[in-house]
């Protein structure tokens, strides 16, 4: 499977068929499809412009960054369509029809809302392209046009995280009739949402009353990738130089949970730009949560999500590879996890007691040293138990980072004595 060659989208769909069917099942059990979509997109790195989560697809070790992002964008768009599909999918034929319709929607969406990517539906010889061929060509163009790859985390973040807005707007657009008025509305929304991101960046950067050099570079990176008209870019630079109050941001009135989550996590990462989160900046994040209608628990969850993501993919995020930063991040994450585990201690005890395999491993551990295979299995089972905590139902836990010794630090004191 090679995303750089013609036919990659068909190969991807053939390989991912079972997982995509699972997404339609996920919809039945989730309290809200936006929560399910977040749990798919956030761990992949797409929200942060970091194409790290490609789910062990064939030959993915040989892909470049552009190939990875292309696959993640395709998977996210298709997942969004399936999660928001308005009725259960009962048969394989119905599933195939839904996928074809989704591909048609992808082609129509980009042709209508992103005129710079316009792609004819016929070949030079007048043959009509299939929905698969058209979607593949447009996704190729989308990544080629706007993606910038660099070893700097922040360059990639502000060039590529805007792809999330594609997915968000696509989720709205598929429920409308694509006439000219609707298309004009979504073109306007695309521009306004991008401008809202600039306001969030500016407000977060000014939250400690000064602009760090790293933060100033962020705006430059971001403006290069927004395709905003000249007057909007000039206004954006003025906002960034002079600052903007939270109350002046006037974020879109759309009450989407996942859009607000994106704005919050953009702000968190902007504040992370100088590697030091000051008290005034944490105060800003708390105020932003209130402004967005979030609680401080929502802020804690986003901090956990971002820290867990960075720890899981530390070896791939070159810019953040500094030992002192890593140790500080690790300690912060363990402390947050421990707090959440302590708050749900009774639930965890009950879950362990009801897991016969885990109880058997714990008994063995008291009698003798477990084998490496047994330790790995205990690690897997303990992560499953921790995932029952409501906080971690949506957030993807960094499974490579959560080794058995670290899990022992996270679980409450005397936890296993209470389990016995």
Foldseek 3Di string as FASTA:
>chain_A
DALVDPPPLVVLCVVCVVVLLVLLVVLVVDPALLLVLLLLQLLCCQLQLFRDDPPPDPPPVVYDRLSSNLSSLVVSQSSLQSNPPDDRQDDPVSVVVSSQVSLQLLLVLCVLQVVVLNDDQADPVGHGHRSSNSSSSSSNVVSVPQADDDLASLLSRLRRSLSVVVSVLSSVVVVDDPDNVSSVVSNVVLLLLLLLLLLLLLQLQCLVPDHDPLSVVSLVSNVVRSPHDPVSNVVSVVCNVVPDDPVPSCRDPPLDPNSLLSSLLSSVVSCCRVPDQDPSSVVVSCVSCVVSVHHVVSVLLSLLQVLQSCLLPVVSNNNQPDVVSNVVSLVVNLVSLLVLQVVCLVQLLVLQLVDVLLVVLVVVVVVDPDDPVSQVVNLVSSVVSSCVRVSNVSGDGSSVNSHPVSVVSRHDPCSVVVSD
